[in-house]
C-alpha atoms as a PDB file:
ATOM      1  CA  UNK A   1       0.079  -0.075  -0.159  1.00  0.00           C
ATOM      2  CA  UNK A   2       1.308   3.486  -0.875  1.00  0.00           C
ATOM      3  CA  UNK A   3       0.580   6.854   0.218  1.00  0.00           C
ATOM      4  CA  UNK A   4      -0.671   9.682  -2.086  1.00  0.00           C
ATOM      5  CA  UNK A   5       1.531  13.028  -1.649  1.00  0.00           C
ATOM      6  CA  UNK A   6       0.065  16.017  -0.180  1.00  0.00           C
ATOM      7  CA  UNK A   7       0.834  19.173  -0.390  1.00  0.00           C
ATOM      8  CA  UNK A   8       0.544  20.994   3.407  1.00  0.00           C
ATOM      9  CA  UNK A   9       0.394  19.366   6.883  1.00  0.00           C
ATOM     10  CA  UNK A  10      -2.774  19.120   8.342  1.00  0.00           C
ATOM     11  CA  UNK A  11      -4.263  18.434  11.580  1.00  0.00           C
ATOM     12  CA  UNK A  12      -7.952  16.417  11.569  1.00  0.00           C
ATOM     13  CA  UNK A  13      -8.936  14.257  14.632  1.00  0.00           C
ATOM     14  CA  UNK A  14      -9.974  11.602  12.137  1.00  0.00           C
ATOM     15  CA  UNK A  15      -6.449  10.842  10.950  1.00  0.00           C
ATOM     16  CA  UNK A  16      -2.992   9.369  12.577  1.00  0.00           C
ATOM     17  CA  UNK A  17       0.082  10.531  12.034  1.00  0.00           C
ATOM     18  CA  UNK A  18       3.901   9.127  12.093  1.00  0.00           C
ATOM     19  CA  UNK A  19       7.545  10.033  10.931  1.00  0.00           C
ATOM     20  CA  UNK A  20       8.432   9.283   7.453  1.00  0.00           C
ATOM     21  CA  UNK A  21      11.797   7.625   7.737  1.00  0.00           C
ATOM     22  CA  UNK A  22      14.365   7.800   5.038  1.00  0.00           C
ATOM     23  CA  UNK A  23      14.909   4.262   3.659  1.00  0.00           C
ATOM     24  CA  UNK A  24      13.823   1.129   1.880  1.00  0.00           C
ATOM     25  CA  UNK A  25      10.016   0.107   1.865  1.00  0.00           C
ATOM     26  CA  UNK A  26      10.372  -3.207   2.999  1.00  0.00           C
ATOM     27  CA  UNK A  27       7.929  -6.596   3.688  1.00  0.00           C
ATOM     28  CA  UNK A  28       8.986  -8.752   5.918  1.00  0.00           C
ATOM     29  CA  UNK A  29       7.832 -12.431   6.322  1.00  0.00           C
ATOM     30  CA  UNK A  30       8.401 -14.720   9.290  1.00  0.00           C
ATOM     31  CA  UNK A  31       6.448 -18.265   8.356  1.00  0.00           C
ATOM     32  CA  UNK A  32       7.206 -19.838  11.735  1.00  0.00           C
ATOM     33  CA  UNK A  33      10.894 -21.550  10.294  1.00  0.00           C
ATOM     34  CA  UNK A  34      12.495 -18.881   8.247  1.00  0.00           C
ATOM     35  CA  UNK A  35      12.556 -15.371   7.725  1.00  0.00           C
ATOM     36  CA  UNK A  36      12.376 -13.564   3.916  1.00  0.00           C
ATOM     37  CA  UNK A  37      12.655  -9.425   3.394  1.00  0.00           C
ATOM     38  CA  UNK A  38      10.893  -8.426   0.018  1.00  0.00           C
ATOM     39  CA  UNK A  39      11.954  -4.844  -1.533  1.00  0.00           C
ATOM     40  CA  UNK A  40       8.716  -3.078  -2.815  1.00  0.00           C
ATOM     41  CA  UNK A  41       9.478  -4.680  -6.462  1.00  0.00           C
ATOM     42  CA  UNK A  42       9.190  -8.082  -4.900  1.00  0.00           C
ATOM     43  CA  UNK A  43      13.122  -9.066  -4.969  1.00  0.00           C
ATOM     44  CA  UNK A  44      14.523 -10.976  -2.057  1.00  0.00           C
ATOM     45  CA  UNK A  45      16.780  -8.856  -0.208  1.00  0.00           C
ATOM     46  CA  UNK A  46      16.800 -11.406   3.129  1.00  0.00           C
ATOM     47  CA  UNK A  47      20.365 -11.865   2.311  1.00  0.00           C
ATOM     48  CA  UNK A  48      21.759  -8.057   2.075  1.00  0.00           C
ATOM     49  CA  UNK A  49      20.414  -7.087   5.901  1.00  0.00           C
ATOM     50  CA  UNK A  50      21.652 -10.209   8.413  1.00  0.00           C
ATOM     51  CA  UNK A  51      20.900  -8.129  11.439  1.00  0.00           C
ATOM     52  CA  UNK A  52      17.655  -8.348  10.811  1.00  0.00           C
ATOM     53  CA  UNK A  53      17.075 -12.608  10.603  1.00  0.00           C
ATOM     54  CA  UNK A  54      17.333 -12.824  14.494  1.00  0.00           C
ATOM     55  CA  UNK A  55      13.756 -11.729  14.422  1.00  0.00           C
ATOM     56  CA  UNK A  56      11.831 -15.227  15.281  1.00  0.00           C
ATOM     57  CA  UNK A  57       8.663 -14.681  17.271  1.00  0.00           C
ATOM     58  CA  UNK A  58       6.006 -17.677  17.978  1.00  0.00           C
ATOM     59  CA  UNK A  59       3.315 -16.889  15.622  1.00  0.00           C
ATOM     60  CA  UNK A  60       3.790 -16.551  11.828  1.00  0.00           C
ATOM     61  CA  UNK A  61       3.534 -12.716  10.674  1.00  0.00           C
ATOM     62  CA  UNK A  62       3.536 -10.355   8.059  1.00  0.00           C
ATOM     63  CA  UNK A  63       5.411  -7.334   8.653  1.00  0.00           C
ATOM     64  CA  UNK A  64       5.473  -3.555   6.891  1.00  0.00           C
ATOM     65  CA  UNK A  65       8.425  -0.918   7.071  1.00  0.00           C
ATOM     66  CA  UNK A  66      11.058   1.031   6.394  1.00  0.00           C
ATOM     67  CA  UNK A  67      14.992  -0.361   6.616  1.00  0.00           C
ATOM     68  CA  UNK A  68      16.559   2.166   8.155  1.00  0.00           C
ATOM     69  CA  UNK A  69      20.560   3.106   8.441  1.00  0.00           C
ATOM     70  CA  UNK A  70      22.090   5.984  10.665  1.00  0.00           C
ATOM     71  CA  UNK A  71      25.035   8.688  10.289  1.00  0.00           C
ATOM     72  CA  UNK A  72      27.550   8.965  12.852  1.00  0.00           C
ATOM     73  CA  UNK A  73      25.051  11.888  14.431  1.00  0.00           C
ATOM     74  CA  UNK A  74      22.136   9.147  15.127  1.00  0.00           C
ATOM     75  CA  UNK A  75      19.866  10.580  12.276  1.00  0.00           C
ATOM     76  CA  UNK A  76      18.764   8.380   9.355  1.00  0.00           C
ATOM     77  CA  UNK A  77      21.226   8.379   6.516  1.00  0.00           C
ATOM     78  CA  UNK A  78      19.765   7.486   3.010  1.00  0.00           C
ATOM     79  CA  UNK A  79      23.566   8.023   1.879  1.00  0.00           C
ATOM     80  CA  UNK A  80      24.817   5.217   4.540  1.00  0.00           C
ATOM     81  CA  UNK A  81      21.982   2.932   3.577  1.00  0.00           C
ATOM     82  CA  UNK A  82      22.576   2.887   0.107  1.00  0.00           C
ATOM     83  CA  UNK A  83      26.316   1.456   0.933  1.00  0.00           C
ATOM     84  CA  UNK A  84      24.147  -1.789   1.952  1.00  0.00           C
ATOM     85  CA  UNK A  85      21.837  -1.616  -0.248  1.00  0.00           C
ATOM     86  CA  UNK A  86      23.614  -3.523  -3.383  1.00  0.00           C
ATOM     87  CA  UNK A  87      25.729  -6.149  -1.005  1.00  0.00           C
ATOM     88  CA  UNK A  88      23.830  -9.530  -1.853  1.00  0.00           C
ATOM     89  CA  UNK A  89      25.035 -11.162   1.388  1.00  0.00           C
ATOM     90  CA  UNK A  90      28.174 -12.974   2.248  1.00  0.00           C
ATOM     91  CA  UNK A  91      30.954 -12.058   3.927  1.00  0.00           C
ATOM     92  CA  UNK A  92      30.701  -8.453   3.091  1.00  0.00           C
ATOM     93  CA  UNK A  93      26.979  -7.854   3.821  1.00  0.00           C
ATOM     94  CA  UNK A  94      27.686  -9.953   7.155  1.00  0.00           C
ATOM     95  CA  UNK A  95      30.907  -7.443   7.764  1.00  0.00           C
ATOM     96  CA  UNK A  96      28.350  -4.836   6.931  1.00  0.00           C
ATOM     97  CA  UNK A  97      26.297  -5.921   9.537  1.00  0.00           C
ATOM     98  CA  UNK A  98      28.694  -5.070  12.328  1.00  0.00           C
ATOM     99  CA  UNK A  99      29.670  -2.018  10.758  1.00  0.00           C
ATOM    100  CA  UNK A 100      27.319  -0.129   9.280  1.00  0.00           C
ATOM    101  CA  UNK A 101      24.353  -1.614  11.247  1.00  0.00           C
ATOM    102  CA  UNK A 102      20.100  -1.012  10.117  1.00  0.00           C
ATOM    103  CA  UNK A 103      17.315  -0.971  12.110  1.00  0.00           C
ATOM    104  CA  UNK A 104      13.619  -2.308  10.828  1.00  0.00           C
ATOM    105  CA  UNK A 105      10.967   0.523  11.595  1.00  0.00           C
ATOM    106  CA  UNK A 106       8.006  -1.221  11.476  1.00  0.00           C
ATOM    107  CA  UNK A 107       4.715   0.519  11.206  1.00  0.00           C
ATOM    108  CA  UNK A 108       2.279  -2.184   9.849  1.00  0.00           C
ATOM    109  CA  UNK A 109       1.030  -5.593  10.343  1.00  0.00           C
ATOM    110  CA  UNK A 110      -0.817  -7.391   7.648  1.00  0.00           C
ATOM    111  CA  UNK A 111      -0.525 -10.834   9.266  1.00  0.00           C
ATOM    112  CA  UNK A 112      -0.466 -12.204  12.240  1.00  0.00           C
ATOM    113  CA  UNK A 113      -1.950 -15.987  12.730  1.00  0.00           C
ATOM    114  CA  UNK A 114      -4.509 -14.996  10.554  1.00  0.00           C
ATOM    115  CA  UNK A 115      -4.835 -11.799   7.766  1.00  0.00           C
ATOM    116  CA  UNK A 116      -5.221  -8.425   8.831  1.00  0.00           C
ATOM    117  CA  UNK A 117      -5.317  -5.940   6.026  1.00  0.00           C
ATOM    118  CA  UNK A 118      -9.045  -5.560   6.417  1.00  0.00           C
ATOM    119  CA  UNK A 119      -8.836  -4.556  10.000  1.00  0.00           C
ATOM    120  CA  UNK A 120      -8.899  -0.864  10.532  1.00  0.00           C
ATOM    121  CA  UNK A 121      -5.535   0.568  11.019  1.00  0.00           C
ATOM    122  CA  UNK A 122      -6.314   1.261  14.800  1.00  0.00           C
ATOM    123  CA  UNK A 123      -6.701  -2.818  15.463  1.00  0.00           C
ATOM    124  CA  UNK A 124      -3.354  -3.343  12.946  1.00  0.00           C
ATOM    125  CA  UNK A 125      -1.485  -1.208  15.558  1.00  0.00           C
ATOM    126  CA  UNK A 126      -3.263  -2.771  18.334  1.00  0.00           C
ATOM    127  CA  UNK A 127      -1.635  -5.980  17.399  1.00  0.00           C
ATOM    128  CA  UNK A 128       1.698  -4.787  16.091  1.00  0.00           C
ATOM    129  CA  UNK A 129       2.245  -3.790  19.549  1.00  0.00           C
ATOM    130  CA  UNK A 130       1.618  -7.071  21.367  1.00  0.00           C
ATOM    131  CA  UNK A 131       4.751  -8.302  18.823  1.00  0.00           C
ATOM    132  CA  UNK A 132       7.584  -8.696  20.606  1.00  0.00           C
ATOM    133  CA  UNK A 133      10.155  -6.809  18.062  1.00  0.00           C
ATOM    134  CA  UNK A 134      13.576  -7.013  19.706  1.00  0.00           C
ATOM    135  CA  UNK A 135      15.882  -4.715  18.333  1.00  0.00           C
ATOM    136  CA  UNK A 136      17.229  -3.659  15.519  1.00  0.00           C
ATOM    137  CA  UNK A 137      13.590  -3.670  14.990  1.00  0.00           C
ATOM    138  CA  UNK A 138      11.488  -1.054  16.244  1.00  0.00           C
ATOM    139  CA  UNK A 139       7.708   0.006  16.297  1.00  0.00           C
ATOM    140  CA  UNK A 140       7.074   3.610  14.491  1.00  0.00           C
ATOM    141  CA  UNK A 141       5.235   6.016  17.077  1.00  0.00           C
ATOM    142  CA  UNK A 142       2.054   7.128  16.181  1.00  0.00           C
ATOM    143  CA  UNK A 143       1.020  10.799  17.081  1.00  0.00           C
ATOM    144  CA  UNK A 144      -2.961  11.473  16.951  1.00  0.00           C
ATOM    145  CA  UNK A 145      -4.509  14.048  15.075  1.00  0.00           C
ATOM    146  CA  UNK A 146      -1.680  16.913  15.354  1.00  0.00           C
ATOM    147  CA  UNK A 147      -0.148  16.225  11.789  1.00  0.00           C
ATOM    148  CA  UNK A 148       1.044  19.704  11.976  1.00  0.00           C
ATOM    149  CA  UNK A 149       2.876  20.175  15.755  1.00  0.00           C
ATOM    150  CA  UNK A 150       5.029  16.648  14.637  1.00  0.00           C
ATOM    151  CA  UNK A 151       5.103  18.283  11.027  1.00  0.00           C
ATOM    152  CA  UNK A 152       7.266  20.850  12.901  1.00  0.00           C
ATOM    153  CA  UNK A 153       8.897  18.653  14.996  1.00  0.00           C
ATOM    154  CA  UNK A 154      10.009  16.690  11.686  1.00  0.00           C
ATOM    155  CA  UNK A 155      11.604  20.067  10.104  1.00  0.00           C
ATOM    156  CA  UNK A 156      13.893  21.192  12.397  1.00  0.00           C
ATOM    157  CA  UNK A 157      15.254  17.544  13.050  1.00  0.00           C
ATOM    158  CA  UNK A 158      15.622  17.420   8.968  1.00  0.00           C
ATOM    159  CA  UNK A 159      13.308  14.471   9.092  1.00  0.00           C
ATOM    160  CA  UNK A 160      12.237  13.249   5.750  1.00  0.00           C
ATOM    161  CA  UNK A 161       8.675  14.203   6.695  1.00  0.00           C
ATOM    162  CA  UNK A 162       5.353  12.775   7.656  1.00  0.00           C
ATOM    163  CA  UNK A 163       3.102  10.218   7.200  1.00  0.00           C
ATOM    164  CA  UNK A 164      -0.935  10.555   7.875  1.00  0.00           C
ATOM    165  CA  UNK A 165      -3.407   7.608   8.154  1.00  0.00           C
ATOM    166  CA  UNK A 166      -7.226   7.707   7.888  1.00  0.00           C
ATOM    167  CA  UNK A 167      -8.586   6.269  11.296  1.00  0.00           C
ATOM    168  CA  UNK A 168     -10.439   3.086  10.537  1.00  0.00           C
ATOM    169  CA  UNK A 169      -9.215   2.569   7.143  1.00  0.00           C
ATOM    170  CA  UNK A 170      -8.179  -0.931   5.599  1.00  0.00           C
ATOM    171  CA  UNK A 171      -4.064  -2.262   4.380  1.00  0.00           C
ATOM    172  CA  UNK A 172      -4.637  -2.397   0.378  1.00  0.00           C
ATOM    173  CA  UNK A 173      -1.643  -3.948  -0.924  1.00  0.00           C
ATOM    174  CA  UNK A 174      -0.151  -2.438  -4.346  1.00  0.00           C
ATOM    175  CA  UNK A 175      -2.987   0.499  -4.027  1.00  0.00           C
ATOM    176  CA  UNK A 176      -1.384   4.049  -3.755  1.00  0.00           C
ATOM    177  CA  UNK A 177      -4.386   5.117  -1.705  1.00  0.00           C
ATOM    178  CA  UNK A 178      -5.896   8.488  -0.178  1.00  0.00           C
ATOM    179  CA  UNK A 179      -6.432   6.707   2.930  1.00  0.00           C
ATOM    180  CA  UNK A 180      -2.385   7.359   3.377  1.00  0.00           C
ATOM    181  CA  UNK A 181      -1.183  11.116   2.645  1.00  0.00           C
ATOM    182  CA  UNK A 182       2.597  11.751   2.439  1.00  0.00           C
ATOM    183  CA  UNK A 183       3.709  15.143   3.347  1.00  0.00           C
ATOM    184  CA  UNK A 184       7.684  15.240   2.555  1.00  0.00           C
ATOM    185  CA  UNK A 185       9.925  18.247   3.963  1.00  0.00           C
ATOM    186  CA  UNK A 186      11.963  19.536   1.508  1.00  0.00           C
ATOM    187  CA  UNK A 187      14.568  21.652   1.528  1.00  0.00           C
ATOM    188  CA  UNK A 188      15.032  24.971  -0.684  1.00  0.00           C
ATOM    189  CA  UNK A 189      18.301  26.177  -2.335  1.00  0.00           C
ATOM    190  CA  UNK A 190      19.227  28.490  -5.157  1.00  0.00           C
ATOM    191  CA  UNK A 191      21.757  27.451  -7.338  1.00  0.00           C
ATOM    192  CA  UNK A 192      23.362  28.777 -11.172  1.00  0.00           C
ATOM    193  CA  UNK A 193      22.675  26.828 -14.334  1.00  0.00           C
ATOM    194  CA  UNK A 194      25.917  26.199 -15.859  1.00  0.00           C
ATOM    195  CA  UNK A 195      24.780  23.929 -18.175  1.00  0.00           C
ATOM    196  CA  UNK A 196      22.365  21.646 -19.825  1.00  0.00           C
ATOM    197  CA  UNK A 197      21.728  17.891 -21.155  1.00  0.00           C
ATOM    198  CA  UNK A 198      20.579  16.594 -24.426  1.00  0.00           C
ATOM    199  CA  UNK A 199      16.645  15.426 -23.466  1.00  0.00           C
ATOM    200  CA  UNK A 200      15.369  12.610 -25.219  1.00  0.00           C
ATOM    201  CA  UNK A 201      11.604  10.956 -26.860  1.00  0.00           C
ATOM    202  CA  UNK A 202       9.208  13.365 -25.718  1.00  0.00           C
ATOM    203  CA  UNK A 203      11.742  16.187 -24.652  1.00  0.00           C
ATOM    204  CA  UNK A 204      14.426  15.396 -27.581  1.00  0.00           C
ATOM    205  CA  UNK A 205      14.227  18.783 -28.913  1.00  0.00           C
ATOM    206  CA  UNK A 206      14.287  20.098 -25.216  1.00  0.00           C
ATOM    207  CA  UNK A 207      16.629  19.340 -22.663  1.00  0.00           C
ATOM    208  CA  UNK A 208      17.120  17.105 -20.235  1.00  0.00           C
ATOM    209  CA  UNK A 209      17.871  18.599 -17.262  1.00  0.00           C
ATOM    210  CA  UNK A 210      20.038  21.527 -15.542  1.00  0.00           C
ATOM    211  CA  UNK A 211      23.243  21.649 -14.726  1.00  0.00           C
ATOM    212  CA  UNK A 212      23.538  23.322 -11.430  1.00  0.00           C
ATOM    213  CA  UNK A 213      26.179  24.689  -9.257  1.00  0.00           C
ATOM    214  CA  UNK A 214      27.197  27.207  -6.528  1.00  0.00           C
ATOM    215  CA  UNK A 215      30.017  30.059  -7.255  1.00  0.00           C
ATOM    216  CA  UNK A 216      33.365  28.807  -5.588  1.00  0.00           C
ATOM    217  CA  UNK A 217      36.079  31.353  -6.668  1.00  0.00           C
ATOM    218  CA  UNK A 218      35.893  32.421 -10.260  1.00  0.00           C
ATOM    219  CA  UNK A 219      33.755  29.052 -11.163  1.00  0.00           C
ATOM    220  CA  UNK A 220      30.921  26.966 -10.555  1.00  0.00           C
ATOM    221  CA  UNK A 221      30.886  23.978  -7.578  1.00  0.00           C
ATOM    222  CA  UNK A 222      28.869  21.443  -9.178  1.00  0.00           C
ATOM    223  CA  UNK A 223      25.950  20.245  -6.853  1.00  0.00           C
ATOM    224  CA  UNK A 224      23.949  18.162  -9.566  1.00  0.00           C
ATOM    225  CA  UNK A 225      21.268  18.637 -11.910  1.00  0.00           C
ATOM    226  CA  UNK A 226      17.506  18.842 -12.440  1.00  0.00           C
ATOM    227  CA  UNK A 227      15.133  17.361 -14.804  1.00  0.00           C
ATOM    228  CA  UNK A 228      11.758  17.754 -13.093  1.00  0.00           C
ATOM    229  CA  UNK A 229       9.340  20.418 -12.634  1.00  0.00           C
ATOM    230  CA  UNK A 230       8.843  21.765 -15.560  1.00  0.00           C
ATOM    231  CA  UNK A 231       5.831  21.563 -17.902  1.00  0.00           C
ATOM    232  CA  UNK A 232       5.954  21.431 -21.459  1.00  0.00           C
ATOM    233  CA  UNK A 233       6.056  25.637 -21.672  1.00  0.00           C
ATOM    234  CA  UNK A 234       8.681  26.328 -19.374  1.00  0.00           C
ATOM    235  CA  UNK A 235      10.686  23.098 -21.336  1.00  0.00           C
ATOM    236  CA  UNK A 236      10.945  24.776 -24.876  1.00  0.00           C
ATOM    237  CA  UNK A 237      11.088  28.645 -23.442  1.00  0.00           C
ATOM    238  CA  UNK A 238      14.162  27.687 -21.396  1.00  0.00           C
ATOM    239  CA  UNK A 239      15.819  25.629 -24.415  1.00  0.00           C
ATOM    240  CA  UNK A 240      15.457  28.924 -26.225  1.00  0.00           C
ATOM    241  CA  UNK A 241      17.058  31.147 -23.424  1.00  0.00           C
ATOM    242  CA  UNK A 242      19.849  28.611 -22.985  1.00  0.00           C
ATOM    243  CA  UNK A 243      20.304  29.039 -26.757  1.00  0.00           C
ATOM    244  CA  UNK A 244      21.054  32.298 -26.798  1.00  0.00           C
ATOM    245  CA  UNK A 245      23.582  31.752 -23.739  1.00  0.00           C
ATOM    246  CA  UNK A 246      25.985  28.945 -24.957  1.00  0.00           C
ATOM    247  CA  UNK A 247      29.528  29.217 -24.417  1.00  0.00           C
ATOM    248  CA  UNK A 248      32.411  26.745 -25.237  1.00  0.00           C
ATOM    249  CA  UNK A 249      34.094  26.207 -21.902  1.00  0.00           C
ATOM    250  CA  UNK A 250      32.743  24.948 -18.525  1.00  0.00           C
ATOM    251  CA  UNK A 251      32.222  27.458 -15.967  1.00  0.00           C
ATOM    252  CA  UNK A 252      32.526  24.611 -13.782  1.00  0.00           C
ATOM    253  CA  UNK A 253      35.271  23.342 -11.645  1.00  0.00           C
ATOM    254  CA  UNK A 254      36.896  20.089 -12.619  1.00  0.00           C
ATOM    255  CA  UNK A 255      34.909  17.016 -12.099  1.00  0.00           C
ATOM    256  CA  UNK A 256      34.464  13.528 -13.294  1.00  0.00           C
ATOM    257  CA  UNK A 257      31.028  12.743 -12.387  1.00  0.00           C
ATOM    258  CA  UNK A 258      29.733  16.155 -14.411  1.00  0.00           C
ATOM    259  CA  UNK A 259      27.211  14.713 -17.029  1.00  0.00           C
ATOM    260  CA  UNK A 260      28.673  13.954 -19.817  1.00  0.00           C
ATOM    261  CA  UNK A 261      27.362  15.624 -23.361  1.00  0.00           C
ATOM    262  CA  UNK A 262      27.114  18.537 -21.550  1.00  0.00           C
ATOM    263  CA  UNK A 263      26.135  21.900 -23.609  1.00  0.00           C
ATOM    264  CA  UNK A 264      27.774  24.706 -21.328  1.00  0.00           C
ATOM    265  CA  UNK A 265      25.805  28.064 -20.785  1.00  0.00           C
ATOM    266  CA  UNK A 266      26.952  31.341 -19.228  1.00  0.00           C
ATOM    267  CA  UNK A 267      25.937  31.378 -15.277  1.00  0.00           C
ATOM    268  CA  UNK A 268      23.675  34.053 -15.640  1.00  0.00           C
ATOM    269  CA  UNK A 269      20.456  32.194 -14.817  1.00  0.00           C
ATOM    270  CA  UNK A 270      19.333  31.388 -10.813  1.00  0.00           C
ATOM    271  CA  UNK A 271      17.246  28.549 -10.649  1.00  0.00           C
ATOM    272  CA  UNK A 272      14.899  27.865  -7.029  1.00  0.00           C
ATOM    273  CA  UNK A 273      15.518  23.959  -6.246  1.00  0.00           C
ATOM    274  CA  UNK A 274      13.265  22.426  -3.667  1.00  0.00           C
ATOM    275  CA  UNK A 275      15.477  18.788  -2.414  1.00  0.00           C
ATOM    276  CA  UNK A 276      15.467  16.281  -0.235  1.00  0.00           C
ATOM    277  CA  UNK A 277      18.695  16.879   1.101  1.00  0.00           C
ATOM    278  CA  UNK A 278      22.692  17.304   0.831  1.00  0.00           C
ATOM    279  CA  UNK A 279      24.661  13.756   0.266  1.00  0.00           C
ATOM    280  CA  UNK A 280      27.962  13.892   1.591  1.00  0.00           C
ATOM    281  CA  UNK A 281      29.831  14.778  -1.279  1.00  0.00           C
ATOM    282  CA  UNK A 282      27.914  17.644  -1.414  1.00  0.00           C
ATOM    283  CA  UNK A 283      25.125  16.598  -4.340  1.00  0.00           C
ATOM    284  CA  UNK A 284      21.331  17.604  -4.301  1.00  0.00           C
ATOM    285  CA  UNK A 285      19.140  14.468  -3.544  1.00  0.00           C
ATOM    286  CA  UNK A 286      15.443  14.415  -5.245  1.00  0.00           C
ATOM    287  CA  UNK A 287      15.985  17.793  -6.914  1.00  0.00           C
ATOM    288  CA  UNK A 288      12.737  19.382  -8.567  1.00  0.00           C
ATOM    289  CA  UNK A 289      12.996  22.757 -10.307  1.00  0.00           C
ATOM    290  CA  UNK A 290      10.532  25.332  -8.685  1.00  0.00           C
ATOM    291  CA  UNK A 291      11.660  28.637 -11.199  1.00  0.00           C
ATOM    292  CA  UNK A 292      13.877  31.310 -11.666  1.00  0.00           C
ATOM    293  CA  UNK A 293      14.880  34.181  -9.230  1.00  0.00           C
ATOM    294  CA  UNK A 294      16.124  37.343 -10.348  1.00  0.00           C
ATOM    295  CA  UNK A 295      18.737  37.177  -8.264  1.00  0.00           C
ATOM    296  CA  UNK A 296      22.408  38.078  -8.968  1.00  0.00           C
ATOM    297  CA  UNK A 297      24.317  34.987  -9.410  1.00  0.00           C
ATOM    298  CA  UNK A 298      27.609  36.407  -7.936  1.00  0.00           C
ATOM    299  CA  UNK A 299      25.717  36.265  -4.558  1.00  0.00           C
ATOM    300  CA  UNK A 300      24.839  32.378  -5.273  1.00  0.00           C
ATOM    301  CA  UNK A 301      27.958  30.999  -3.307  1.00  0.00           C
ATOM    302  CA  UNK A 302      28.698  27.607  -1.795  1.00  0.00           C
ATOM    303  CA  UNK A 303      29.032  29.298   1.332  1.00  0.00           C
ATOM    304  CA  UNK A 304      25.779  30.755   1.166  1.00  0.00           C
ATOM    305  CA  UNK A 305      23.758  28.032  -0.531  1.00  0.00           C
ATOM    306  CA  UNK A 306      25.448  24.531  -0.109  1.00  0.00           C
ATOM    307  CA  UNK A 307      25.154  22.330   2.922  1.00  0.00           C
ATOM    308  CA  UNK A 308      26.402  24.660   6.121  1.00  0.00           C
ATOM    309  CA  UNK A 309      24.902  27.631   4.197  1.00  0.00           C
END
């Protein structure tokens, strides 16, 4: 069951609210003898997270939750989780479980000796509370009614956002349901456009993404590329403007990860960007274009807009 994106936090006595964890959605199944972990796409990821295999309750159950990794300060870190996601098992996965352990944050139970998907969320949460979850498994806490207060708290902590779940709602596998609403906490930054990548398919005549940077001295430090947030009219208008600004040399500092086949442009346009977080490498994670600003590009510096700005 998937949540519907929602534009703003809300408070409603008909809803329950909990933290939206920045991890990998995972279904855990225990048949009374063996444990299995399944990704959202139905891939068996049991061997990837051997530290979760210690869970062995008395009765068969199916749990829904999020595998989460943590940074050195104890905050959820998708970058730390990425170091675990591609390990298919074996000695490397076992070593990673010791050096970079994960937690399984459980927020629903679908089976506990019987099918619970037809029961309301309150009943499923009661059944979840009755299951002994040994570390590194933990139940997600629920805050009744006041979604705005929870959103303010997660925003202050820089967490990913909140999820609201309608009281009385059942669990609908495979459905993106309006009974669940996700309200992400998004960060905002200004960035200078230093180039664009070629488009494909329906965007072959415009561009694929804008290549973004922040001023560091006389050049731009690359912080990522944004390819979402544009409508068809904006794509055409922006491409026309970019054609007028093309230059032969890159305005960026050397970076081996800069997109290939980039067309460079004079660094005059300032874009407003929403994104989830800064990666450890100083890149924007999941950026979305929100428009252009009239701010002077020379003010859009790494010191002002970067992770510590």
